[in-house]
């Protein structure tokens, strides 16, 4: 019985470590910058393929928009939690 309990606790501890690592990656600046750079490269390549003018400059727009969205989300989340979520959960 104690052995089974210990196995379950160890499984939970390992899962928590995995979840914490996933959360740290999801919120990391490294991830955001890698995704913005990847966005820039994909859009830049597409703009070259379609022969758009100034592809280097034009590709900055979606990459910049991605970063703006990523950095504004924490503020929007806090506002939503306070104004919308807490009010709706209080009515239940």
PDB file of N, CA and C in Angstrom:
ATOM      1  N   UNK A   1       0.829  -1.197   0.000  1.00  0.00           N
ATOM      2  CA  UNK A   1       0.000   0.000   0.000  1.00  0.00           C
ATOM      3  C   UNK A   1       0.874   1.263   0.000  1.00  0.00           C
ATOM      4  N   UNK A   2       1.867   1.307   0.893  1.00  0.00           N
ATOM      5  CA  UNK A   2       2.740   2.478   0.972  1.00  0.00           C
ATOM      6  C   UNK A   2       3.557   2.623  -0.310  1.00  0.00           C
ATOM      7  N   UNK A   3       3.947   1.483  -0.895  1.00  0.00           N
ATOM      8  CA  UNK A   3       4.719   1.517  -2.141  1.00  0.00           C
ATOM      9  C   UNK A   3       3.890   2.126  -3.274  1.00  0.00           C
ATOM     10  N   UNK A   4       2.628   1.743  -3.359  1.00  0.00           N
ATOM     11  CA  UNK A   4       1.730   2.278  -4.375  1.00  0.00           C
ATOM     12  C   UNK A   4       1.547   3.786  -4.189  1.00  0.00           C
ATOM     13  N   UNK A   5       1.405   4.210  -2.954  1.00  0.00           N
ATOM     14  CA  UNK A   5       1.253   5.627  -2.645  1.00  0.00           C
ATOM     15  C   UNK A   5       2.507   6.398  -3.071  1.00  0.00           C
ATOM     16  N   UNK A   6       3.672   5.821  -2.787  1.00  0.00           N
ATOM     17  CA  UNK A   6       4.935   6.465  -3.144  1.00  0.00           C
ATOM     18  C   UNK A   6       5.078   6.580  -4.669  1.00  0.00           C
ATOM     19  N   UNK A   7       4.671   5.553  -5.382  1.00  0.00           N
ATOM     20  CA  UNK A   7       4.714   5.579  -6.841  1.00  0.00           C
ATOM     21  C   UNK A   7       3.795   6.675  -7.370  1.00  0.00           C
ATOM     22  N   UNK A   8       2.610   6.797  -6.804  1.00  0.00           N
ATOM     23  CA  UNK A   8       1.670   7.823  -7.234  1.00  0.00           C
ATOM     24  C   UNK A   8       2.209   9.230  -6.960  1.00  0.00           C
ATOM     25  N   UNK A   9       2.787   9.415  -5.795  1.00  0.00           N
ATOM     26  CA  UNK A   9       3.351  10.721  -5.437  1.00  0.00           C
ATOM     27  C   UNK A   9       4.501  11.060  -6.372  1.00  0.00           C
ATOM     28  N   UNK A  10       5.378  10.102  -6.653  1.00  0.00           N
ATOM     29  CA  UNK A  10       6.490  10.347  -7.572  1.00  0.00           C
ATOM     30  C   UNK A  10       5.986  10.696  -8.972  1.00  0.00           C
ATOM     31  N   UNK A  11       4.932  10.032  -9.415  1.00  0.00           N
ATOM     32  CA  UNK A  11       4.351  10.328 -10.728  1.00  0.00           C
ATOM     33  C   UNK A  11       3.809  11.757 -10.758  1.00  0.00           C
ATOM     34  N   UNK A  12       3.176  12.181  -9.682  1.00  0.00           N
ATOM     35  CA  UNK A  12       2.639  13.548  -9.603  1.00  0.00           C
ATOM     36  C   UNK A  12       3.775  14.565  -9.595  1.00  0.00           C
ATOM     37  N   UNK A  13       4.834  14.282  -8.850  1.00  0.00           N
ATOM     38  CA  UNK A  13       5.983  15.187  -8.785  1.00  0.00           C
ATOM     39  C   UNK A  13       6.618  15.328 -10.171  1.00  0.00           C
ATOM     40  N   UNK A  14       6.793  14.224 -10.880  1.00  0.00           N
ATOM     41  CA  UNK A  14       7.364  14.272 -12.231  1.00  0.00           C
ATOM     42  C   UNK A  14       6.461  15.046 -13.192  1.00  0.00           C
ATOM     43  N   UNK A  15       5.161  14.827 -13.088  1.00  0.00           N
ATOM     44  CA  UNK A  15       4.216  15.550 -13.932  1.00  0.00           C
ATOM     45  C   UNK A  15       4.295  17.047 -13.655  1.00  0.00           C
ATOM     46  N   UNK A  16       4.358  17.427 -12.383  1.00  0.00           N
ATOM     47  CA  UNK A  16       4.446  18.842 -12.017  1.00  0.00           C
ATOM     48  C   UNK A  16       5.712  19.486 -12.579  1.00  0.00           C
ATOM     49  N   UNK A  17       6.833  18.747 -12.565  1.00  0.00           N
ATOM     50  CA  UNK A  17       8.076  19.271 -13.134  1.00  0.00           C
ATOM     51  C   UNK A  17       7.906  19.512 -14.632  1.00  0.00           C
ATOM     52  N   UNK A  18       7.254  18.573 -15.307  1.00  0.00           N
ATOM     53  CA  UNK A  18       7.019  18.699 -16.746  1.00  0.00           C
ATOM     54  C   UNK A  18       6.121  19.898 -17.042  1.00  0.00           C
ATOM     55  N   UNK A  19       5.055  20.043 -16.265  1.00  0.00           N
ATOM     56  CA  UNK A  19       4.114  21.149 -16.454  1.00  0.00           C
ATOM     57  C   UNK A  19       4.797  22.491 -16.187  1.00  0.00           C
ATOM     58  N   UNK A  20       5.623  22.553 -15.141  1.00  0.00           N
ATOM     59  CA  UNK A  20       6.344  23.787 -14.837  1.00  0.00           C
ATOM     60  C   UNK A  20       7.311  24.150 -15.959  1.00  0.00           C
ATOM     61  N   UNK A  21       7.982  23.155 -16.523  1.00  0.00           N
ATOM     62  CA  UNK A  21       8.881  23.396 -17.649  1.00  0.00           C
ATOM     63  C   UNK A  21       8.126  23.886 -18.869  1.00  0.00           C
ATOM     64  N   UNK A  22       6.986  23.258 -19.145  1.00  0.00           N
ATOM     65  CA  UNK A  22       6.153  23.681 -20.274  1.00  0.00           C
ATOM     66  C   UNK A  22       5.679  25.116 -20.093  1.00  0.00           C
ATOM     67  N   UNK A  23       5.263  25.448 -18.890  1.00  0.00           N
ATOM     68  CA  UNK A  23       4.774  26.801 -18.607  1.00  0.00           C
ATOM     69  C   UNK A  23       5.910  27.821 -18.740  1.00  0.00           C
ATOM     70  N   UNK A  24       7.093  27.453 -18.241  1.00  0.00           N
ATOM     71  CA  UNK A  24       8.240  28.358 -18.349  1.00  0.00           C
ATOM     72  C   UNK A  24       8.579  28.613 -19.810  1.00  0.00           C
ATOM     73  N   UNK A  25       8.531  27.584 -20.648  1.00  0.00           N
ATOM     74  CA  UNK A  25       8.813  27.748 -22.072  1.00  0.00           C
ATOM     75  C   UNK A  25       7.735  28.606 -22.733  1.00  0.00           C
ATOM     76  N   UNK A  26       6.471  28.342 -22.429  1.00  0.00           N
ATOM     77  CA  UNK A  26       5.363  29.085 -23.040  1.00  0.00           C
ATOM     78  C   UNK A  26       5.431  30.577 -22.746  1.00  0.00           C
ATOM     79  N   UNK A  27       5.959  30.944 -21.595  1.00  0.00           N
ATOM     80  CA  UNK A  27       6.004  32.357 -21.206  1.00  0.00           C
ATOM     81  C   UNK A  27       7.382  32.983 -21.408  1.00  0.00           C
ATOM     82  N   UNK A  28       8.343  32.233 -21.957  1.00  0.00           N
ATOM     83  CA  UNK A  28       9.710  32.737 -22.070  1.00  0.00           C
ATOM     84  C   UNK A  28       9.861  33.743 -23.213  1.00  0.00           C
ATOM     85  N   UNK A  29      10.768  34.675 -23.008  1.00  0.00           N
ATOM     86  CA  UNK A  29      11.095  35.639 -24.057  1.00  0.00           C
ATOM     87  C   UNK A  29      11.801  34.937 -25.215  1.00  0.00           C
ATOM     88  N   UNK A  30      12.552  33.903 -24.913  1.00  0.00           N
ATOM     89  CA  UNK A  30      13.238  33.148 -25.960  1.00  0.00           C
ATOM     90  C   UNK A  30      12.236  32.579 -26.948  1.00  0.00           C
ATOM     91  N   UNK A  31      11.174  31.958 -26.451  1.00  0.00           N
ATOM     92  CA  UNK A  31      10.150  31.382 -27.324  1.00  0.00           C
ATOM     93  C   UNK A  31       9.514  32.468 -28.185  1.00  0.00           C
ATOM     94  N   UNK A  32       9.200  33.593 -27.578  1.00  0.00           N
ATOM     95  CA  UNK A  32       8.561  34.686 -28.315  1.00  0.00           C
ATOM     96  C   UNK A  32       9.467  35.191 -29.433  1.00  0.00           C
ATOM     97  N   UNK A  33      10.745  35.360 -29.132  1.00  0.00           N
ATOM     98  CA  UNK A  33      11.668  35.863 -30.145  1.00  0.00           C
ATOM     99  C   UNK A  33      11.894  34.842 -31.254  1.00  0.00           C
ATOM    100  N   UNK A  34      11.985  33.565 -30.902  1.00  0.00           N
ATOM    101  CA  UNK A  34      12.147  32.521 -31.919  1.00  0.00           C
ATOM    102  C   UNK A  34      10.938  32.498 -32.847  1.00  0.00           C
ATOM    103  N   UNK A  35       9.744  32.579 -32.283  1.00  0.00           N
ATOM    104  CA  UNK A  35       8.530  32.578 -33.112  1.00  0.00           C
ATOM    105  C   UNK A  35       8.429  33.834 -33.973  1.00  0.00           C
ATOM    106  N   UNK A  36       8.819  34.974 -33.432  1.00  0.00           N
ATOM    107  CA  UNK A  36       8.794  36.208 -34.227  1.00  0.00           C
ATOM    108  C   UNK A  36       9.788  36.113 -35.379  1.00  0.00           C
ATOM    109  N   UNK A  37      10.965  35.585 -35.113  1.00  0.00           N
ATOM    110  CA  UNK A  37      11.969  35.431 -36.164  1.00  0.00           C
ATOM    111  C   UNK A  37      11.505  34.435 -37.222  1.00  0.00           C
ATOM    112  N   UNK A  38      10.911  33.328 -36.785  1.00  0.00           N
ATOM    113  CA  UNK A  38      10.378  32.339 -37.734  1.00  0.00           C
ATOM    114  C   UNK A  38       9.267  32.957 -38.575  1.00  0.00           C
ATOM    115  N   UNK A  39       8.412  33.750 -37.956  1.00  0.00           N
ATOM    116  CA  UNK A  39       7.357  34.448 -38.692  1.00  0.00           C
ATOM    117  C   UNK A  39       7.962  35.366 -39.738  1.00  0.00           C
ATOM    118  N   UNK A  40       8.980  36.118 -39.328  1.00  0.00           N
ATOM    119  CA  UNK A  40       9.653  37.020 -40.259  1.00  0.00           C
ATOM    120  C   UNK A  40      10.202  36.249 -41.453  1.00  0.00           C
ATOM    121  N   UNK A  41      10.896  35.141 -41.198  1.00  0.00           N
ATOM    122  CA  UNK A  41      11.499  34.369 -42.286  1.00  0.00           C
ATOM    123  C   UNK A  41      10.456  33.802 -43.250  1.00  0.00           C
ATOM    124  N   UNK A  42       9.380  33.265 -42.713  1.00  0.00           N
ATOM    125  CA  UNK A  42       8.338  32.683 -43.569  1.00  0.00           C
ATOM    126  C   UNK A  42       7.690  33.764 -44.424  1.00  0.00           C
ATOM    127  N   UNK A  43       7.354  34.875 -43.816  1.00  0.00           N
ATOM    128  CA  UNK A  43       6.705  35.965 -44.565  1.00  0.00           C
ATOM    129  C   UNK A  43       7.678  36.560 -45.571  1.00  0.00           C
ATOM    130  N   UNK A  44       8.927  36.750 -45.164  1.00  0.00           N
ATOM    131  CA  UNK A  44       9.944  37.278 -46.066  1.00  0.00           C
ATOM    132  C   UNK A  44      10.084  36.380 -47.303  1.00  0.00           C
ATOM    133  N   UNK A  45      10.169  35.066 -47.089  1.00  0.00           N
ATOM    134  CA  UNK A  45      10.279  34.128 -48.206  1.00  0.00           C
ATOM    135  C   UNK A  45       9.045  34.207 -49.113  1.00  0.00           C
ATOM    136  N   UNK A  46       7.862  34.254 -48.507  1.00  0.00           N
ATOM    137  CA  UNK A  46       6.632  34.367 -49.291  1.00  0.00           C
ATOM    138  C   UNK A  46       6.619  35.643 -50.125  1.00  0.00           C
ATOM    139  N   UNK A  47       7.025  36.743 -49.537  1.00  0.00           N
ATOM    140  CA  UNK A  47       7.046  38.019 -50.251  1.00  0.00           C
ATOM    141  C   UNK A  47       8.048  37.998 -51.404  1.00  0.00           C
ATOM    142  N   UNK A  48       9.145  37.310 -51.222  1.00  0.00           N
ATOM    143  CA  UNK A  48      10.110  37.159 -52.320  1.00  0.00           C
ATOM    144  C   UNK A  48       9.494  36.330 -53.437  1.00  0.00           C
ATOM    145  N   UNK A  49       8.815  35.245 -53.081  1.00  0.00           N
ATOM    146  CA  UNK A  49       8.198  34.367 -54.080  1.00  0.00           C
ATOM    147  C   UNK A  49       7.170  35.122 -54.919  1.00  0.00           C
ATOM    148  N   UNK A  50       6.395  35.975 -54.273  1.00  0.00           N
ATOM    149  CA  UNK A  50       5.367  36.714 -55.035  1.00  0.00           C
ATOM    150  C   UNK A  50       5.901  38.022 -55.609  1.00  0.00           C
ATOM    151  N   UNK A  51       7.214  38.229 -55.442  1.00  0.00           N
ATOM    152  CA  UNK A  51       7.890  39.393 -56.004  1.00  0.00           C
ATOM    153  C   UNK A  51       7.319  40.715 -55.477  1.00  0.00           C
ATOM    154  N   UNK A  52       7.061  40.768 -54.191  1.00  0.00           N
ATOM    155  CA  UNK A  52       6.546  41.982 -53.549  1.00  0.00           C
ATOM    156  C   UNK A  52       7.689  42.984 -53.358  1.00  0.00           C
ATOM    157  N   UNK A  53       7.381  44.258 -53.381  1.00  0.00           N
ATOM    158  CA  UNK A  53       8.433  45.255 -53.152  1.00  0.00           C
ATOM    159  C   UNK A  53       8.844  45.287 -51.677  1.00  0.00           C
ATOM    160  N   UNK A  54      10.114  45.512 -51.425  1.00  0.00           N
ATOM    161  CA  UNK A  54      10.675  45.623 -50.063  1.00  0.00           C
ATOM    162  C   UNK A  54      10.283  44.465 -49.145  1.00  0.00           C
ATOM    163  N   UNK A  55      10.578  43.231 -49.496  1.00  0.00           N
ATOM    164  CA  UNK A  55      10.158  42.106 -48.651  1.00  0.00           C
ATOM    165  C   UNK A  55      10.799  42.127 -47.263  1.00  0.00           C
ATOM    166  N   UNK A  56      12.038  42.639 -47.170  1.00  0.00           N
ATOM    167  CA  UNK A  56      12.714  42.685 -45.861  1.00  0.00           C
ATOM    168  C   UNK A  56      11.962  43.587 -44.892  1.00  0.00           C
ATOM    169  N   UNK A  57      11.510  44.717 -45.395  1.00  0.00           N
ATOM    170  CA  UNK A  57      10.777  45.664 -44.551  1.00  0.00           C
ATOM    171  C   UNK A  57       9.345  45.195 -44.304  1.00  0.00           C
ATOM    172  N   UNK A  58       8.684  44.724 -45.345  1.00  0.00           N
ATOM    173  CA  UNK A  58       7.289  44.301 -45.221  1.00  0.00           C
ATOM    174  C   UNK A  58       7.143  43.107 -44.281  1.00  0.00           C
ATOM    175  N   UNK A  59       8.141  42.248 -44.215  1.00  0.00           N
ATOM    176  CA  UNK A  59       8.062  41.070 -43.342  1.00  0.00           C
ATOM    177  C   UNK A  59       8.144  41.456 -41.865  1.00  0.00           C
ATOM    178  N   UNK A  60       8.594  42.664 -41.585  1.00  0.00           N
ATOM    179  CA  UNK A  60       8.642  43.118 -40.191  1.00  0.00           C
ATOM    180  C   UNK A  60       7.248  43.341 -39.611  1.00  0.00           C
ATOM    181  N   UNK A  61       6.287  43.649 -40.458  1.00  0.00           N
ATOM    182  CA  UNK A  61       4.938  43.970 -39.966  1.00  0.00           C
ATOM    183  C   UNK A  61       4.308  42.779 -39.230  1.00  0.00           C
ATOM    184  N   UNK A  62       4.180  41.596 -39.836  1.00  0.00           N
ATOM    185  CA  UNK A  62       3.569  40.496 -39.089  1.00  0.00           C
ATOM    186  C   UNK A  62       4.418  40.026 -37.906  1.00  0.00           C
ATOM    187  N   UNK A  63       5.746  40.077 -38.045  1.00  0.00           N
ATOM    188  CA  UNK A  63       6.603  39.680 -36.922  1.00  0.00           C
ATOM    189  C   UNK A  63       6.418  40.659 -35.756  1.00  0.00           C
ATOM    190  N   UNK A  64       6.358  41.940 -36.078  1.00  0.00           N
ATOM    191  CA  UNK A  64       6.117  42.949 -35.040  1.00  0.00           C
ATOM    192  C   UNK A  64       4.738  42.815 -34.421  1.00  0.00           C
ATOM    193  N   UNK A  65       3.753  42.522 -35.256  1.00  0.00           N
ATOM    194  CA  UNK A  65       2.388  42.335 -34.742  1.00  0.00           C
ATOM    195  C   UNK A  65       2.339  41.138 -33.795  1.00  0.00           C
ATOM    196  N   UNK A  66       3.059  40.080 -34.132  1.00  0.00           N
ATOM    197  CA  UNK A  66       3.114  38.912 -33.250  1.00  0.00           C
ATOM    198  C   UNK A  66       3.686  39.302 -31.893  1.00  0.00           C
ATOM    199  N   UNK A  67       4.802  40.032 -31.889  1.00  0.00           N
ATOM    200  CA  UNK A  67       5.408  40.435 -30.617  1.00  0.00           C
ATOM    201  C   UNK A  67       4.491  41.363 -29.829  1.00  0.00           C
ATOM    202  N   UNK A  68       3.852  42.294 -30.509  1.00  0.00           N
ATOM    203  CA  UNK A  68       2.913  43.192 -29.838  1.00  0.00           C
ATOM    204  C   UNK A  68       1.789  42.404 -29.183  1.00  0.00           C
ATOM    205  N   UNK A  69       1.264  41.443 -29.910  1.00  0.00           N
ATOM    206  CA  UNK A  69       0.184  40.604 -29.376  1.00  0.00           C
ATOM    207  C   UNK A  69       0.674  39.804 -28.170  1.00  0.00           C
ATOM    208  N   UNK A  70       1.865  39.240 -28.258  1.00  0.00           N
ATOM    209  CA  UNK A  70       2.396  38.436 -27.164  1.00  0.00           C
ATOM    210  C   UNK A  70       2.625  39.259 -25.895  1.00  0.00           C
ATOM    211  N   UNK A  71       3.116  40.479 -26.065  1.00  0.00           N
ATOM    212  CA  UNK A  71       3.409  41.299 -24.893  1.00  0.00           C
ATOM    213  C   UNK A  71       2.181  42.024 -24.348  1.00  0.00           C
ATOM    214  N   UNK A  72       1.115  42.115 -25.140  1.00  0.00           N
ATOM    215  CA  UNK A  72      -0.104  42.751 -24.631  1.00  0.00           C
ATOM    216  C   UNK A  72      -1.029  41.739 -23.964  1.00  0.00           C
ATOM    217  N   UNK A  73      -0.863  40.463 -24.272  1.00  0.00           N
ATOM    218  CA  UNK A  73      -1.755  39.455 -23.706  1.00  0.00           C
ATOM    219  C   UNK A  73      -1.759  39.390 -22.179  1.00  0.00           C
ATOM    220  N   UNK A  74      -0.624  39.481 -21.489  1.00  0.00           N
ATOM    221  CA  UNK A  74      -0.688  39.441 -20.017  1.00  0.00           C
ATOM    222  C   UNK A  74      -1.565  40.553 -19.437  1.00  0.00           C
ATOM    223  N   UNK A  75      -1.492  41.737 -20.028  1.00  0.00           N
ATOM    224  CA  UNK A  75      -2.310  42.847 -19.537  1.00  0.00           C
ATOM    225  C   UNK A  75      -3.791  42.588 -19.814  1.00  0.00           C
ATOM    226  N   UNK A  76      -4.072  42.096 -21.015  1.00  0.00           N
ATOM    227  CA  UNK A  76      -5.463  41.780 -21.362  1.00  0.00           C
ATOM    228  C   UNK A  76      -5.999  40.642 -20.507  1.00  0.00           C
ATOM    229  N   UNK A  77      -5.159  39.660 -20.209  1.00  0.00           N
ATOM    230  CA  UNK A  77      -5.574  38.537 -19.370  1.00  0.00           C
ATOM    231  C   UNK A  77      -5.945  39.024 -17.969  1.00  0.00           C
ATOM    232  N   UNK A  78      -5.095  39.876 -17.399  1.00  0.00           N
ATOM    233  CA  UNK A  78      -5.392  40.405 -16.060  1.00  0.00           C
ATOM    234  C   UNK A  78      -6.702  41.195 -16.056  1.00  0.00           C
ATOM    235  N   UNK A  79      -6.889  42.026 -17.070  1.00  0.00           N
ATOM    236  CA  UNK A  79      -8.126  42.794 -17.170  1.00  0.00           C
ATOM    237  C   UNK A  79      -9.316  41.857 -17.280  1.00  0.00           C
ATOM    238  N   UNK A  80      -9.214  40.848 -18.155  1.00  0.00           N
ATOM    239  CA  UNK A  80     -10.314  39.901 -18.361  1.00  0.00           C
ATOM    240  C   UNK A  80     -10.624  39.132 -17.085  1.00  0.00           C
ATOM    241  N   UNK A  81      -9.585  38.677 -16.382  1.00  0.00           N
ATOM    242  CA  UNK A  81      -9.814  37.937 -15.139  1.00  0.00           C
ATOM    243  C   UNK A  81     -10.542  38.803 -14.115  1.00  0.00           C
ATOM    244  N   UNK A  82     -10.125  40.058 -14.026  1.00  0.00           N
ATOM    245  CA  UNK A  82     -10.724  40.936 -13.029  1.00  0.00           C
ATOM    246  C   UNK A  82     -12.127  41.403 -13.414  1.00  0.00           C
ATOM    247  N   UNK A  83     -12.316  41.818 -14.646  1.00  0.00           N
ATOM    248  CA  UNK A  83     -13.584  42.429 -15.056  1.00  0.00           C
ATOM    249  C   UNK A  83     -14.624  41.425 -15.528  1.00  0.00           C
ATOM    250  N   UNK A  84     -14.225  40.398 -16.231  1.00  0.00           N
ATOM    251  CA  UNK A  84     -15.181  39.481 -16.850  1.00  0.00           C
ATOM    252  C   UNK A  84     -15.314  38.190 -16.063  1.00  0.00           C
ATOM    253  N   UNK A  85     -14.211  37.507 -15.841  1.00  0.00           N
ATOM    254  CA  UNK A  85     -14.256  36.188 -15.220  1.00  0.00           C
ATOM    255  C   UNK A  85     -14.766  36.246 -13.781  1.00  0.00           C
ATOM    256  N   UNK A  86     -14.211  37.144 -12.989  1.00  0.00           N
ATOM    257  CA  UNK A  86     -14.632  37.223 -11.578  1.00  0.00           C
ATOM    258  C   UNK A  86     -16.086  37.648 -11.453  1.00  0.00           C
ATOM    259  N   UNK A  87     -16.526  38.536 -12.338  1.00  0.00           N
ATOM    260  CA  UNK A  87     -17.927  38.965 -12.311  1.00  0.00           C
ATOM    261  C   UNK A  87     -18.864  37.847 -12.724  1.00  0.00           C
ATOM    262  N   UNK A  88     -18.478  37.068 -13.730  1.00  0.00           N
ATOM    263  CA  UNK A  88     -19.337  35.984 -14.172  1.00  0.00           C
ATOM    264  C   UNK A  88     -19.343  34.829 -13.181  1.00  0.00           C
ATOM    265  N   UNK A  89     -18.210  34.574 -12.513  1.00  0.00           N
ATOM    266  CA  UNK A  89     -18.185  33.483 -11.538  1.00  0.00           C
ATOM    267  C   UNK A  89     -18.908  33.884 -10.252  1.00  0.00           C
ATOM    268  N   UNK A  90     -18.993  35.180  -9.966  1.00  0.00           N
ATOM    269  CA  UNK A  90     -19.698  35.637  -8.780  1.00  0.00           C
ATOM    270  C   UNK A  90     -21.216  35.470  -8.958  1.00  0.00           C
ATOM    271  N   UNK A  91     -21.683  35.494 -10.204  1.00  0.00           N
ATOM    272  CA  UNK A  91     -23.123  35.365 -10.478  1.00  0.00           C
ATOM    273  C   UNK A  91     -23.594  33.930 -10.378  1.00  0.00           C
ATOM    274  N   UNK A  92     -22.692  32.982 -10.433  1.00  0.00           N
ATOM    275  CA  UNK A  92     -23.090  31.568 -10.417  1.00  0.00           C
ATOM    276  C   UNK A  92     -23.496  31.101  -9.036  1.00  0.00           C
TER     277      UNK A  92
END
